[in-house]
Amino acid sequence: MRQNRWIQEPLVGEGEDVVPFPACPRLEVTYLTDPEVLAEVLPPPLTPPPEPRVHVRFTNIEENGHVHEHICTFLVDAMFRDQLGQLCL
């Protein structure tokens, strides 16, 4: 199984040997969308919630203090039965 380059296991311990996982700066834009339009792109059995939102996230992945990668994801709110979740488009 492939592993993303920027994923690492959290280190346990204390002192200089432990390097904390860096925070990845992120900007998120969230806005309401039309439930009928969203219903057209959701695969069954997902349905739009009463107030569906679109989430656009811009993230900088940093390694050794330098930007390694810029990532943008689009997610939409979706219902599976009675559970609210998000679907990545």
Protein backbone atom coordinates (compact mmCIF):
# COMPACT_ATOMS: atom_id res chain seq x y z
CA MET A 1 0.00 0.00 0.00
CA ARG A 2 1.34 3.45 -0.93
CA GLN A 3 1.89 6.06 1.75
CA ASN A 4 1.60 9.78 1.14
CA ARG A 5 4.93 11.55 1.48
CA TRP A 6 3.66 13.99 4.10
CA ILE A 7 2.11 11.46 6.46
CA GLN A 8 4.14 10.37 9.45
CA GLU A 9 3.45 8.52 12.64
CA PRO A 10 3.29 10.73 15.74
CA LEU A 11 6.43 10.40 17.81
CA VAL A 12 6.21 9.54 21.48
CA GLY A 13 8.73 10.72 24.02
CA GLU A 14 10.43 13.86 25.22
CA GLY A 15 13.47 15.96 24.45
CA GLU A 16 15.37 16.90 21.33
CA ASP A 17 14.89 13.50 19.69
CA VAL A 18 11.16 14.09 19.25
CA VAL A 19 10.25 16.25 16.27
CA PRO A 20 6.61 17.40 16.33
CA PHE A 21 4.52 17.02 13.20
CA PRO A 22 4.37 20.49 11.65
CA ALA A 23 1.11 22.38 11.43
CA CYS A 24 0.00 22.73 7.82
CA PRO A 25 -1.40 26.21 7.12
CA ARG A 26 -4.87 26.01 5.59
CA LEU A 27 -7.46 28.43 4.29
CA GLU A 28 -11.04 27.18 4.12
CA VAL A 29 -13.86 28.87 2.22
CA THR A 30 -17.36 27.57 3.01
CA TYR A 31 -20.58 28.60 1.32
CA LEU A 32 -24.18 27.41 0.98
CA THR A 33 -25.26 25.72 -2.23
CA ASP A 34 -28.55 24.76 -3.86
CA PRO A 35 -29.79 21.34 -2.59
CA GLU A 36 -31.28 20.49 -6.01
CA VAL A 37 -28.00 21.18 -7.82
CA LEU A 38 -26.07 19.18 -5.23
CA ALA A 39 -28.49 16.25 -5.58
CA GLU A 40 -27.50 16.00 -9.27
CA VAL A 41 -23.84 15.30 -8.47
CA LEU A 42 -24.21 13.09 -5.37
CA PRO A 43 -23.96 9.36 -6.02
CA PRO A 44 -26.73 7.19 -4.56
CA PRO A 45 -27.47 6.57 -1.71
CA LEU A 46 -26.17 10.02 -0.65
CA THR A 47 -28.62 12.91 -0.44
CA PRO A 48 -28.18 16.63 0.19
CA PRO A 49 -28.79 17.91 3.73
CA PRO A 50 -31.32 20.71 4.34
CA GLU A 51 -28.57 23.39 4.27
CA PRO A 52 -25.77 21.92 2.12
CA ARG A 53 -22.40 23.60 2.17
CA VAL A 54 -19.41 23.49 -0.15
CA HIS A 55 -15.99 23.50 1.51
CA VAL A 56 -12.95 24.62 -0.50
CA ARG A 57 -9.67 24.03 1.33
CA PHE A 58 -6.28 25.34 0.28
CA THR A 59 -3.47 23.66 2.22
CA ASN A 60 0.31 24.10 2.18
CA ILE A 61 2.18 20.90 2.98
CA GLU A 62 5.50 21.83 4.55
CA GLU A 63 8.63 19.75 4.99
CA ASN A 64 11.72 20.99 6.79
CA GLY A 65 10.27 24.49 7.02
CA HIS A 66 9.67 24.82 3.28
CA VAL A 67 6.47 24.54 1.27
CA HIS A 68 6.55 21.11 -0.34
CA GLU A 69 3.16 21.05 -1.99
CA HIS A 70 0.01 23.15 -2.44
CA ILE A 71 -3.23 21.18 -2.24
CA CYS A 72 -6.80 22.25 -2.94
CA THR A 73 -9.81 20.08 -2.09
CA PHE A 74 -13.50 20.54 -2.81
CA LEU A 75 -15.92 18.85 -0.42
CA VAL A 76 -19.70 18.96 -0.20
CA ASP A 77 -21.99 18.13 2.70
CA ALA A 78 -23.95 14.93 2.14
CA MET A 79 -26.32 12.72 4.10
CA PHE A 80 -26.06 8.94 4.39
CA ARG A 81 -29.30 7.86 5.99
CA ASP A 82 -29.40 10.15 9.05
CA GLN A 83 -25.64 10.83 9.24
CA LEU A 84 -24.13 14.09 7.98
CA GLY A 85 -20.74 13.80 6.33
CA GLN A 86 -18.67 15.22 3.50
CA LEU A 87 -17.88 13.93 0.03
CA CYS A 88 -14.68 14.95 -1.75
CA LEU A 89 -15.32 15.90 -5.38
